Amino acid sequence: LEPQAVLELCHDGCALLDMKGVDGMLGY
């Protein structure tokens, strides 16, 4: 989750992270 790497990939400046999936698993 290196910030600069994510920012470079997010050309529109927005990142959508799936923090609780339908499978019930949490991303944190």
PDB file of all heavy atoms in Angstrom:
ATOM      1  N   LEU A   1       0.830  -1.203   0.000  1.00  0.00           N
ATOM      2  CA  LEU A   1       0.000   0.000   0.000  1.00  0.00           C
ATOM      3  C   LEU A   1       0.865   1.254   0.000  1.00  0.00           C
ATOM      4  O   LEU A   1       0.589   2.212   0.707  1.00  0.00           O
ATOM      5  CB  LEU A   1      -0.947   0.007   1.217  1.00  0.00           C
ATOM      6  CG  LEU A   1      -2.135  -0.952   1.148  1.00  0.00           C
ATOM      7  CD1 LEU A   1      -2.907  -0.939   2.459  1.00  0.00           C
ATOM      8  CD2 LEU A   1      -3.056  -0.600   0.011  1.00  0.00           C
ATOM      9  N   GLU A   2       1.921   1.221  -0.784  1.00  0.00           N
ATOM     10  CA  GLU A   2       2.825   2.375  -0.838  1.00  0.00           C
ATOM     11  C   GLU A   2       2.077   3.541  -1.480  1.00  0.00           C
ATOM     12  O   GLU A   2       1.620   3.452  -2.624  1.00  0.00           O
ATOM     13  CB  GLU A   2       4.066   1.999  -1.654  1.00  0.00           C
ATOM     14  CG  GLU A   2       5.270   2.885  -1.379  1.00  0.00           C
ATOM     15  CD  GLU A   2       5.149   4.220  -2.094  1.00  0.00           C
ATOM     16  OE1 GLU A   2       4.814   4.214  -3.290  1.00  0.00           O
ATOM     17  OE2 GLU A   2       5.384   5.258  -1.439  1.00  0.00           O
ATOM     18  N   PRO A   3       1.894   4.645  -0.761  1.00  0.00           N
ATOM     19  CA  PRO A   3       1.026   5.733  -1.228  1.00  0.00           C
ATOM     20  C   PRO A   3       1.345   6.251  -2.620  1.00  0.00           C
ATOM     21  O   PRO A   3       0.446   6.428  -3.437  1.00  0.00           O
ATOM     22  CB  PRO A   3       1.224   6.815  -0.163  1.00  0.00           C
ATOM     23  CG  PRO A   3       1.608   6.062   1.068  1.00  0.00           C
ATOM     24  CD  PRO A   3       2.430   4.922   0.578  1.00  0.00           C
ATOM     25  N   GLN A   4       2.600   6.481  -2.915  1.00  0.00           N
ATOM     26  CA  GLN A   4       2.949   7.067  -4.194  1.00  0.00           C
ATOM     27  C   GLN A   4       2.627   6.123  -5.344  1.00  0.00           C
ATOM     28  O   GLN A   4       2.156   6.554  -6.407  1.00  0.00           O
ATOM     29  CB  GLN A   4       4.439   7.433  -4.231  1.00  0.00           C
ATOM     30  CG  GLN A   4       4.844   8.285  -5.437  1.00  0.00           C
ATOM     31  CD  GLN A   4       4.039   9.577  -5.527  1.00  0.00           C
ATOM     32  OE1 GLN A   4       3.764  10.217  -4.512  1.00  0.00           O
ATOM     33  NE2 GLN A   4       3.660   9.966  -6.743  1.00  0.00           N
ATOM     34  N   ALA A   5       2.842   4.814  -5.120  1.00  0.00           N
ATOM     35  CA  ALA A   5       2.541   3.834  -6.163  1.00  0.00           C
ATOM     36  C   ALA A   5       1.044   3.803  -6.457  1.00  0.00           C
ATOM     37  O   ALA A   5       0.623   3.743  -7.612  1.00  0.00           O
ATOM     38  CB  ALA A   5       3.020   2.452  -5.737  1.00  0.00           C
ATOM     39  N   VAL A   6       0.226   3.864  -5.402  1.00  0.00           N
ATOM     40  CA  VAL A   6      -1.221   3.871  -5.590  1.00  0.00           C
ATOM     41  C   VAL A   6      -1.660   5.148  -6.293  1.00  0.00           C
ATOM     42  O   VAL A   6      -2.490   5.125  -7.197  1.00  0.00           O
ATOM     43  CB  VAL A   6      -1.955   3.732  -4.234  1.00  0.00           C
ATOM     44  CG1 VAL A   6      -3.463   3.872  -4.424  1.00  0.00           C
ATOM     45  CG2 VAL A   6      -1.636   2.374  -3.603  1.00  0.00           C
ATOM     46  N   LEU A   7      -1.094   6.269  -5.878  1.00  0.00           N
ATOM     47  CA  LEU A   7      -1.457   7.551  -6.475  1.00  0.00           C
ATOM     48  C   LEU A   7      -1.139   7.576  -7.961  1.00  0.00           C
ATOM     49  O   LEU A   7      -1.899   8.103  -8.770  1.00  0.00           O
ATOM     50  CB  LEU A   7      -0.742   8.698  -5.752  1.00  0.00           C
ATOM     51  CG  LEU A   7      -1.094  10.118  -6.210  1.00  0.00           C
ATOM     52  CD1 LEU A   7      -2.583  10.376  -6.032  1.00  0.00           C
ATOM     53  CD2 LEU A   7      -0.282  11.141  -5.440  1.00  0.00           C
ATOM     54  N   GLU A   8      -0.014   6.990  -8.344  1.00  0.00           N
ATOM     55  CA  GLU A   8       0.367   6.967  -9.758  1.00  0.00           C
ATOM     56  C   GLU A   8      -0.600   6.116 -10.575  1.00  0.00           C
ATOM     57  O   GLU A   8      -0.856   6.395 -11.743  1.00  0.00           O
ATOM     58  CB  GLU A   8       1.790   6.424  -9.894  1.00  0.00           C
ATOM     59  CG  GLU A   8       2.863   7.400  -9.383  1.00  0.00           C
ATOM     60  CD  GLU A   8       4.250   6.809  -9.427  1.00  0.00           C
ATOM     61  OE1 GLU A   8       4.366   5.616  -9.831  1.00  0.00           O
ATOM     62  OE2 GLU A   8       5.209   7.492  -9.047  1.00  0.00           O
ATOM     63  N   LEU A   9      -1.135   5.060  -9.966  1.00  0.00           N
ATOM     64  CA  LEU A   9      -2.084   4.213 -10.673  1.00  0.00           C
ATOM     65  C   LEU A   9      -3.480   4.827 -10.703  1.00  0.00           C
ATOM     66  O   LEU A   9      -4.271   4.550 -11.595  1.00  0.00           O
ATOM     67  CB  LEU A   9      -2.145   2.828 -10.012  1.00  0.00           C
ATOM     68  CG  LEU A   9      -0.927   1.933 -10.254  1.00  0.00           C
ATOM     69  CD1 LEU A   9      -1.012   0.696  -9.380  1.00  0.00           C
ATOM     70  CD2 LEU A   9      -0.826   1.541 -11.718  1.00  0.00           C
ATOM     71  N   CYS A  10      -3.780   5.649  -9.701  1.00  0.00           N
ATOM     72  CA  CYS A  10      -5.087   6.300  -9.639  1.00  0.00           C
ATOM     73  C   CYS A  10      -5.016   7.612 -10.410  1.00  0.00           C
ATOM     74  O   CYS A  10      -4.857   8.685  -9.815  1.00  0.00           O
ATOM     75  CB  CYS A  10      -5.484   6.555  -8.187  1.00  0.00           C
ATOM     76  SG  CYS A  10      -5.715   5.071  -7.220  1.00  0.00           S
ATOM     77  N   HIS A  11      -5.138   7.546 -11.711  1.00  0.00           N
ATOM     78  CA  HIS A  11      -4.976   8.740 -12.540  1.00  0.00           C
ATOM     79  C   HIS A  11      -6.027   9.798 -12.228  1.00  0.00           C
ATOM     80  O   HIS A  11      -5.801  10.982 -12.453  1.00  0.00           O
ATOM     81  CB  HIS A  11      -5.040   8.353 -14.020  1.00  0.00           C
ATOM     82  CG  HIS A  11      -3.969   7.400 -14.432  1.00  0.00           C
ATOM     83  ND1 HIS A  11      -2.627   7.715 -14.396  1.00  0.00           N
ATOM     84  CD2 HIS A  11      -4.043   6.121 -14.858  1.00  0.00           C
ATOM     85  CE1 HIS A  11      -1.912   6.680 -14.817  1.00  0.00           C
ATOM     86  NE2 HIS A  11      -2.743   5.703 -15.091  1.00  0.00           N
ATOM     87  N   ASP A  12      -7.182   9.364 -11.726  1.00  0.00           N
ATOM     88  CA  ASP A  12      -8.228  10.340 -11.429  1.00  0.00           C
ATOM     89  C   ASP A  12      -8.182  10.814  -9.985  1.00  0.00           C
ATOM     90  O   ASP A  12      -9.035  11.574  -9.553  1.00  0.00           O
ATOM     91  CB  ASP A  12      -9.612   9.769 -11.747  1.00  0.00           C
ATOM     92  CG  ASP A  12      -9.888   8.470 -10.987  1.00  0.00           C
ATOM     93  OD1 ASP A  12      -9.078   8.115 -10.121  1.00  0.00           O
ATOM     94  OD2 ASP A  12     -10.915   7.835 -11.250  1.00  0.00           O
ATOM     95  N   GLY A  13      -7.203  10.324  -9.204  1.00  0.00           N
ATOM     96  CA  GLY A  13      -7.049  10.781  -7.831  1.00  0.00           C
ATOM     97  C   GLY A  13      -8.009  10.149  -6.853  1.00  0.00           C
ATOM     98  O   GLY A  13      -8.139  10.620  -5.724  1.00  0.00           O
ATOM     99  N   CYS A  14      -8.694   9.070  -7.262  1.00  0.00           N
ATOM    100  CA  CYS A  14      -9.652   8.398  -6.384  1.00  0.00           C
ATOM    101  C   CYS A  14      -9.304   6.917  -6.269  1.00  0.00           C
ATOM    102  O   CYS A  14      -9.011   6.271  -7.258  1.00  0.00           O
ATOM    103  CB  CYS A  14     -11.071   8.521  -6.931  1.00  0.00           C
ATOM    104  SG  CYS A  14     -11.635  10.206  -7.126  1.00  0.00           S
ATOM    105  N   ALA A  15      -9.335   6.406  -5.055  1.00  0.00           N
ATOM    106  CA  ALA A  15      -9.099   4.980  -4.837  1.00  0.00           C
ATOM    107  C   ALA A  15     -10.272   4.393  -4.068  1.00  0.00           C
ATOM    108  O   ALA A  15     -10.622   4.888  -3.005  1.00  0.00           O
ATOM    109  CB  ALA A  15      -7.801   4.757  -4.070  1.00  0.00           C
ATOM    110  N   LEU A  16     -10.866   3.370  -4.625  1.00  0.00           N
ATOM    111  CA  LEU A  16     -11.979   2.679  -3.992  1.00  0.00           C
ATOM    112  C   LEU A  16     -11.461   1.365  -3.429  1.00  0.00           C
ATOM    113  O   LEU A  16     -11.034   0.488  -4.167  1.00  0.00           O
ATOM    114  CB  LEU A  16     -13.088   2.419  -5.009  1.00  0.00           C
ATOM    115  CG  LEU A  16     -14.250   1.542  -4.559  1.00  0.00           C
ATOM    116  CD1 LEU A  16     -14.996   2.190  -3.414  1.00  0.00           C
ATOM    117  CD2 LEU A  16     -15.189   1.260  -5.720  1.00  0.00           C
ATOM    118  N   LEU A  17     -11.485   1.211  -2.105  1.00  0.00           N
ATOM    119  CA  LEU A  17     -10.987   0.008  -1.461  1.00  0.00           C
ATOM    120  C   LEU A  17     -12.140  -0.778  -0.858  1.00  0.00           C
ATOM    121  O   LEU A  17     -12.970  -0.220  -0.142  1.00  0.00           O
ATOM    122  CB  LEU A  17      -9.969   0.351  -0.366  1.00  0.00           C
ATOM    123  CG  LEU A  17      -8.582   0.772  -0.848  1.00  0.00           C
ATOM    124  CD1 LEU A  17      -8.572   2.196  -1.356  1.00  0.00           C
ATOM    125  CD2 LEU A  17      -7.553   0.611   0.262  1.00  0.00           C
ATOM    126  N   ASP A  18     -12.174  -2.071  -1.163  1.00  0.00           N
ATOM    127  CA  ASP A  18     -13.230  -2.938  -0.670  1.00  0.00           C
ATOM    128  C   ASP A  18     -12.867  -3.350   0.751  1.00  0.00           C
ATOM    129  O   ASP A  18     -12.151  -4.312   0.974  1.00  0.00           O
ATOM    130  CB  ASP A  18     -13.343  -4.155  -1.581  1.00  0.00           C
ATOM    131  CG  ASP A  18     -14.734  -4.767  -1.566  1.00  0.00           C
ATOM    132  OD1 ASP A  18     -15.679  -4.113  -1.123  1.00  0.00           O
ATOM    133  OD2 ASP A  18     -14.847  -5.920  -1.997  1.00  0.00           O
ATOM    134  N   MET A  19     -13.382  -2.662   1.749  1.00  0.00           N
ATOM    135  CA  MET A  19     -12.986  -2.893   3.132  1.00  0.00           C
ATOM    136  C   MET A  19     -13.859  -3.905   3.858  1.00  0.00           C
ATOM    137  O   MET A  19     -13.510  -4.373   4.920  1.00  0.00           O
ATOM    138  CB  MET A  19     -12.968  -1.561   3.891  1.00  0.00           C
ATOM    139  CG  MET A  19     -11.812  -0.654   3.518  1.00  0.00           C
ATOM    140  SD  MET A  19     -10.214  -1.283   4.131  1.00  0.00           S
ATOM    141  CE  MET A  19      -9.546  -2.031   2.657  1.00  0.00           C
ATOM    142  N   LYS A  20     -15.013  -4.230   3.299  1.00  0.00           N
ATOM    143  CA  LYS A  20     -15.816  -5.362   3.797  1.00  0.00           C
ATOM    144  C   LYS A  20     -16.515  -5.969   2.601  1.00  0.00           C
ATOM    145  O   LYS A  20     -17.382  -5.346   1.998  1.00  0.00           O
ATOM    146  CB  LYS A  20     -16.851  -4.939   4.842  1.00  0.00           C
ATOM    147  CG  LYS A  20     -17.695  -6.119   5.352  1.00  0.00           C
ATOM    148  CD  LYS A  20     -18.774  -5.678   6.319  1.00  0.00           C
ATOM    149  CE  LYS A  20     -19.605  -6.875   6.791  1.00  0.00           C
ATOM    150  NZ  LYS A  20     -20.381  -7.500   5.683  1.00  0.00           N
ATOM    151  N   GLY A  21     -16.113  -7.159   2.243  1.00  0.00           N
ATOM    152  CA  GLY A  21     -16.671  -7.796   1.069  1.00  0.00           C
ATOM    153  C   GLY A  21     -17.951  -8.550   1.367  1.00  0.00           C
ATOM    154  O   GLY A  21     -18.343  -8.732   2.525  1.00  0.00           O
ATOM    155  N   VAL A  22     -18.610  -9.013   0.311  1.00  0.00           N
ATOM    156  CA  VAL A  22     -19.812  -9.814   0.462  1.00  0.00           C
ATOM    157  C   VAL A  22     -19.490 -11.122   1.179  1.00  0.00           C
ATOM    158  O   VAL A  22     -20.354 -11.727   1.821  1.00  0.00           O
ATOM    159  CB  VAL A  22     -20.441 -10.083  -0.922  1.00  0.00           C
ATOM    160  CG1 VAL A  22     -21.577 -11.076  -0.835  1.00  0.00           C
ATOM    161  CG2 VAL A  22     -20.942  -8.778  -1.532  1.00  0.00           C
ATOM    162  N   ASP A  23     -18.234 -11.565   1.116  1.00  0.00           N
ATOM    163  CA  ASP A  23     -17.826 -12.767   1.836  1.00  0.00           C
ATOM    164  C   ASP A  23     -17.643 -12.512   3.324  1.00  0.00           C
ATOM    165  O   ASP A  23     -17.316 -13.421   4.086  1.00  0.00           O
ATOM    166  CB  ASP A  23     -16.540 -13.341   1.244  1.00  0.00           C
ATOM    167  CG  ASP A  23     -15.380 -12.349   1.262  1.00  0.00           C
ATOM    168  OD1 ASP A  23     -15.557 -11.218   1.780  1.00  0.00           O
ATOM    169  OD2 ASP A  23     -14.294 -12.687   0.748  1.00  0.00           O
ATOM    170  N   GLY A  24     -17.847 -11.263   3.748  1.00  0.00           N
ATOM    171  CA  GLY A  24     -17.749 -10.926   5.160  1.00  0.00           C
ATOM    172  C   GLY A  24     -16.360 -10.563   5.628  1.00  0.00           C
ATOM    173  O   GLY A  24     -16.183 -10.113   6.770  1.00  0.00           O
ATOM    174  N   MET A  25     -15.341 -10.730   4.784  1.00  0.00           N
ATOM    175  CA  MET A  25     -13.963 -10.474   5.186  1.00  0.00           C
ATOM    176  C   MET A  25     -13.663  -8.973   5.196  1.00  0.00           C
ATOM    177  O   MET A  25     -14.115  -8.227   4.325  1.00  0.00           O
ATOM    178  CB  MET A  25     -12.998 -11.190   4.244  1.00  0.00           C
ATOM    179  CG  MET A  25     -13.194 -12.708   4.210  1.00  0.00           C
ATOM    180  SD  MET A  25     -13.050 -13.489   5.836  1.00  0.00           S
ATOM    181  CE  MET A  25     -11.295 -13.217   6.165  1.00  0.00           C
ATOM    182  N   LEU A  26     -12.892  -8.557   6.186  1.00  0.00           N
ATOM    183  CA  LEU A  26     -12.507  -7.159   6.333  1.00  0.00           C
ATOM    184  C   LEU A  26     -11.115  -6.943   5.763  1.00  0.00           C
ATOM    185  O   LEU A  26     -10.253  -7.816   5.856  1.00  0.00           O
ATOM    186  CB  LEU A  26     -12.538  -6.748   7.813  1.00  0.00           C
ATOM    187  CG  LEU A  26     -13.863  -6.963   8.549  1.00  0.00           C
ATOM    188  CD1 LEU A  26     -13.733  -6.539  10.011  1.00  0.00           C
ATOM    189  CD2 LEU A  26     -14.988  -6.188   7.877  1.00  0.00           C
ATOM    190  N   GLY A  27     -10.879  -5.768   5.203  1.00  0.00           N
ATOM    191  CA  GLY A  27      -9.588  -5.457   4.600  1.00  0.00           C
ATOM    192  C   GLY A  27      -8.669  -4.702   5.534  1.00  0.00           C
ATOM    193  O   GLY A  27      -7.715  -4.071   5.084  1.00  0.00           O
ATOM    194  N   TYR A  28      -8.940  -4.752   6.820  1.00  0.00           N
ATOM    195  CA  TYR A  28      -8.107  -4.072   7.808  1.00  0.00           C
ATOM    196  C   TYR A  28      -8.126  -4.893   9.094  1.00  0.00           C
ATOM    197  O   TYR A  28      -8.897  -5.850   9.233  1.00  0.00           O
ATOM    198  CB  TYR A  28      -8.630  -2.658   8.074  1.00  0.00           C
ATOM    199  CG  TYR A  28      -9.953  -2.630   8.805  1.00  0.00           C
ATOM    200  CD1 TYR A  28     -10.010  -2.417  10.185  1.00  0.00           C
ATOM    201  CD2 TYR A  28     -11.162  -2.845   8.132  1.00  0.00           C
ATOM    202  CE1 TYR A  28     -11.215  -2.419  10.865  1.00  0.00           C
ATOM    203  CE2 TYR A  28     -12.368  -2.848   8.808  1.00  0.00           C
ATOM    204  CZ  TYR A  28     -12.397  -2.639  10.168  1.00  0.00           C
ATOM    205  OH  TYR A  28     -13.598  -2.651  10.841  1.00  0.00           O
TER     206      TYR A  28
END
